[in-house]
Amino acid sequence: MVGLSGGLMVLWRKDLADFSVIETSSQMVVGNLKVSGKGSWVVASVYGSTDAQERKLLWDNLERLCSNDLPLVIGGDFNCVLSQEEKRGGKKFSLTQGSKDFNSFMINNDLHEVRSMGPKFTWCNNKSGSARILEKLDRCLINSSALNIIHLALIKHLPHIASDHCPILLDIFKPVEFVKKDIRYEEVWAS
């Protein structure tokens, strides 16, 4: 943590899972999450640097984790905008080397962004009028191994109260199980 900004916190319910830290840095906390009855998952909480060169180190560190076949979830503040649709206000978006590096990291490591609901932008500079800037900096990525297990995932962008960021919440849904039901017909319905 630097001054009043930065820092990562990882929380889990001890009655449902066990979390053990694998690696930490100023930009990430990575651990093994053992979920009762669901196996082991690699979970990375990210607080990407605003400096693209430092963020490149984050991608390099995370890439080592992507090489195994375990389900992987990477979520947090990536501090990187990928398109004009993810930015409103301030300087016009331009595809920087930092954006290209992030996009390449996702493609090269089979990472998919989880669909989200809630406010489109997850960060605000807390200014008003023409000085206001909104960006989507917070997201959640999962690999194909995770997709094959959970089938349906959703990120909820929660209201930001004490921060300039919206907290994100990953909801994982069980696959819908279809139950065969008998169809009954009463002759009286026809009359």
Protein backbone atom coordinates (compact mmCIF):
# COMPACT_ATOMS: atom_id res chain seq x y z
CA MET A 1 0.00 0.00 0.00
CA VAL A 2 1.28 3.46 -0.91
CA GLY A 3 -0.22 6.30 1.10
CA LEU A 4 -3.99 5.97 0.91
CA SER A 5 -4.01 4.04 -2.35
CA GLY A 6 -3.15 0.54 -3.40
CA GLY A 7 -3.13 -2.65 -1.49
CA LEU A 8 -4.84 -5.97 -1.94
CA MET A 9 -7.04 -7.99 0.35
CA VAL A 10 -8.16 -11.57 -0.18
CA LEU A 11 -11.20 -12.85 1.71
CA TRP A 12 -12.84 -16.27 1.71
CA ARG A 13 -15.30 -18.26 3.81
CA LYS A 14 -13.36 -20.76 5.89
CA ASP A 15 -16.36 -23.08 6.09
CA LEU A 16 -16.42 -23.40 2.27
CA ALA A 17 -12.77 -23.19 1.21
CA ASP A 18 -9.13 -23.00 2.24
CA PHE A 19 -6.75 -20.43 0.71
CA SER A 20 -2.97 -20.69 0.78
CA VAL A 21 -0.74 -17.96 -0.65
CA ILE A 22 1.58 -19.04 -3.47
CA GLU A 23 3.13 -15.70 -4.43
CA THR A 24 2.79 -11.99 -3.66
CA SER A 25 4.08 -8.75 -5.10
CA SER A 26 3.00 -5.12 -5.02
CA GLN A 27 0.67 -5.91 -7.97
CA MET A 28 -0.79 -9.30 -7.04
CA VAL A 29 -1.66 -11.90 -4.45
CA VAL A 30 -1.83 -15.41 -5.87
CA GLY A 31 -3.04 -18.43 -4.00
CA ASN A 32 -4.41 -21.92 -4.19
CA LEU A 33 -8.09 -22.04 -3.28
CA LYS A 34 -9.30 -25.49 -2.28
CA VAL A 35 -13.07 -25.52 -2.46
CA SER A 36 -14.92 -28.28 -0.63
CA GLY A 37 -16.08 -30.78 -3.24
CA LYS A 38 -14.87 -28.61 -6.17
CA GLY A 39 -11.10 -29.21 -6.18
CA SER A 40 -8.23 -26.72 -6.35
CA TRP A 41 -8.31 -23.38 -8.13
CA VAL A 42 -5.57 -20.82 -8.69
CA VAL A 43 -6.87 -17.37 -7.73
CA ALA A 44 -5.00 -14.13 -8.42
CA SER A 45 -6.09 -10.76 -7.04
CA VAL A 46 -4.57 -7.95 -9.09
CA TYR A 47 -3.78 -4.29 -8.50
CA GLY A 48 -2.02 -3.34 -11.74
CA SER A 49 0.43 -0.48 -11.75
CA THR A 50 -0.47 2.71 -13.61
CA ASP A 51 2.94 2.38 -15.31
CA ALA A 52 2.74 0.13 -18.41
CA GLN A 53 6.32 -1.14 -17.96
CA GLU A 54 5.60 -2.28 -14.40
CA ARG A 55 2.31 -3.82 -15.56
CA LYS A 56 4.31 -5.83 -18.12
CA LEU A 57 6.11 -7.44 -15.16
CA LEU A 58 2.67 -8.37 -13.77
CA TRP A 59 1.73 -10.09 -17.05
CA ASP A 60 5.06 -11.97 -17.03
CA ASN A 61 4.53 -13.13 -13.43
CA LEU A 62 0.94 -14.19 -14.06
CA GLU A 63 1.90 -16.00 -17.27
CA ARG A 64 3.83 -18.59 -15.25
CA LEU A 65 0.59 -19.48 -13.44
CA CYS A 66 -1.34 -19.88 -16.68
CA SER A 67 0.81 -22.80 -17.83
CA ASN A 68 -0.84 -25.40 -15.57
CA ASP A 69 -4.20 -27.03 -16.19
CA LEU A 70 -5.87 -25.93 -12.96
CA PRO A 71 -8.91 -23.65 -13.14
CA LEU A 72 -7.66 -20.06 -12.94
CA VAL A 73 -9.41 -16.85 -11.91
CA ILE A 74 -7.64 -13.47 -12.18
CA GLY A 75 -9.56 -10.44 -10.97
CA GLY A 76 -9.10 -6.92 -9.76
CA ASP A 77 -7.90 -3.50 -10.90
CA PHE A 78 -5.90 -4.03 -14.09
CA ASN A 79 -5.43 -0.26 -14.59
CA CYS A 80 -5.74 -0.74 -18.34
CA VAL A 81 -8.42 0.27 -20.84
CA LEU A 82 -8.77 -1.91 -23.94
CA SER A 83 -11.09 0.17 -26.16
CA GLN A 84 -12.85 3.52 -26.56
CA GLU A 85 -16.07 1.90 -25.23
CA GLU A 86 -14.30 1.43 -21.88
CA LYS A 87 -13.56 5.15 -21.45
CA ARG A 88 -15.57 8.37 -21.20
CA GLY A 89 -14.08 11.83 -20.72
CA GLY A 90 -10.48 12.97 -20.52
CA LYS A 91 -8.08 12.40 -23.37
CA LYS A 92 -9.39 10.37 -26.30
CA PHE A 93 -8.51 6.67 -26.08
CA SER A 94 -5.56 5.49 -28.11
CA LEU A 95 -4.33 1.93 -28.35
CA THR A 96 -1.11 2.12 -26.33
CA GLN A 97 1.59 -0.51 -25.91
CA GLY A 98 0.17 -1.18 -22.43
CA SER A 99 -3.26 -2.01 -23.91
CA LYS A 100 -1.64 -4.21 -26.57
CA ASP A 101 0.41 -6.05 -23.91
CA PHE A 102 -2.71 -6.72 -21.82
CA ASN A 103 -4.67 -7.96 -24.85
CA SER A 104 -1.76 -10.23 -25.89
CA PHE A 105 -1.51 -11.57 -22.34
CA MET A 106 -5.19 -12.58 -22.41
CA ILE A 107 -5.00 -14.18 -25.88
CA ASN A 108 -1.71 -16.03 -25.29
CA ASN A 109 -2.94 -17.50 -22.01
CA ASP A 110 -6.47 -18.55 -23.00
CA LEU A 111 -8.09 -16.03 -20.65
CA HIS A 112 -11.70 -14.96 -21.12
CA GLU A 113 -13.37 -11.93 -19.58
CA VAL A 114 -16.36 -12.78 -17.45
CA ARG A 115 -19.59 -11.05 -18.53
CA SER A 116 -20.56 -8.23 -16.17
CA MET A 117 -23.65 -6.41 -14.96
CA GLY A 118 -23.98 -3.12 -13.16
CA PRO A 119 -22.32 0.18 -14.01
CA LYS A 120 -20.42 0.05 -17.32
CA PHE A 121 -17.45 1.93 -15.85
CA THR A 122 -15.72 0.74 -12.68
CA TRP A 123 -13.54 3.77 -11.94
CA CYS A 124 -14.25 7.49 -11.69
CA ASN A 125 -11.88 10.37 -10.98
CA ASN A 126 -14.59 11.83 -8.70
CA LYS A 127 -14.69 15.16 -10.56
CA SER A 128 -17.74 16.73 -12.13
CA GLY A 129 -18.68 18.27 -15.44
CA SER A 130 -16.18 18.17 -18.29
CA ALA A 131 -13.35 17.19 -15.90
CA ARG A 132 -15.08 13.87 -15.07
CA ILE A 133 -13.38 10.71 -16.37
CA LEU A 134 -14.94 7.23 -16.28
CA GLU A 135 -13.11 4.02 -17.18
CA LYS A 136 -13.50 0.27 -16.97
CA LEU A 137 -10.36 -0.77 -15.10
CA ASP A 138 -11.70 -3.63 -12.96
CA ARG A 139 -12.49 -7.01 -14.47
CA CYS A 140 -12.29 -10.75 -13.97
CA LEU A 141 -10.62 -13.26 -16.30
CA ILE A 142 -10.94 -17.05 -16.26
CA ASN A 143 -9.26 -19.79 -18.26
CA SER A 144 -10.96 -22.57 -20.23
CA SER A 145 -10.46 -25.07 -17.38
CA ALA A 146 -12.55 -22.81 -15.13
CA LEU A 147 -15.14 -22.27 -17.87
CA ASN A 148 -15.55 -26.04 -18.26
CA ILE A 149 -16.29 -26.42 -14.56
CA ILE A 150 -18.57 -23.48 -13.83
CA HIS A 151 -20.37 -23.11 -17.18
CA LEU A 152 -21.90 -19.78 -16.17
CA ALA A 153 -20.19 -16.92 -14.36
CA LEU A 154 -21.13 -13.29 -13.88
CA ILE A 155 -19.31 -10.28 -12.47
CA LYS A 156 -21.41 -7.79 -10.53
CA HIS A 157 -20.09 -4.23 -10.41
CA LEU A 158 -21.17 -3.08 -6.96
CA PRO A 159 -21.71 0.59 -6.06
CA HIS A 160 -18.54 2.42 -5.09
CA ILE A 161 -18.95 3.98 -1.68
CA ALA A 162 -15.60 4.66 -0.03
CA SER A 163 -13.44 4.34 -3.13
CA ASP A 164 -13.09 5.64 -6.67
CA HIS A 165 -13.53 2.01 -7.86
CA CYS A 166 -16.59 -0.23 -7.95
CA PRO A 167 -15.92 -3.45 -6.07
CA ILE A 168 -16.44 -6.50 -8.26
CA LEU A 169 -18.13 -9.71 -7.16
CA LEU A 170 -17.75 -12.98 -9.04
CA ASP A 171 -20.92 -15.09 -9.02
CA ILE A 172 -20.58 -18.69 -10.11
CA PHE A 173 -23.70 -20.60 -11.04
CA LYS A 174 -24.18 -24.32 -11.23
CA PRO A 175 -25.25 -25.65 -14.61
CA VAL A 176 -29.00 -25.84 -14.98
CA GLU A 177 -30.22 -29.36 -14.47
CA PHE A 178 -33.25 -30.30 -16.49
CA VAL A 179 -35.74 -32.42 -14.67
CA LYS A 180 -37.98 -34.65 -16.75
CA LYS A 181 -41.60 -33.94 -15.87
CA ASP A 182 -44.63 -35.90 -16.90
CA ILE A 183 -47.25 -34.03 -18.85
CA ARG A 184 -50.77 -34.86 -17.76
CA TYR A 185 -53.85 -34.17 -19.72
CA GLU A 186 -57.38 -34.22 -18.42
CA GLU A 187 -60.18 -34.97 -20.90
CA VAL A 188 -62.36 -32.42 -19.12
CA TRP A 189 -60.03 -29.61 -20.34
CA ALA A 190 -61.18 -30.22 -23.92
CA SER A 191 -64.87 -29.65 -23.10
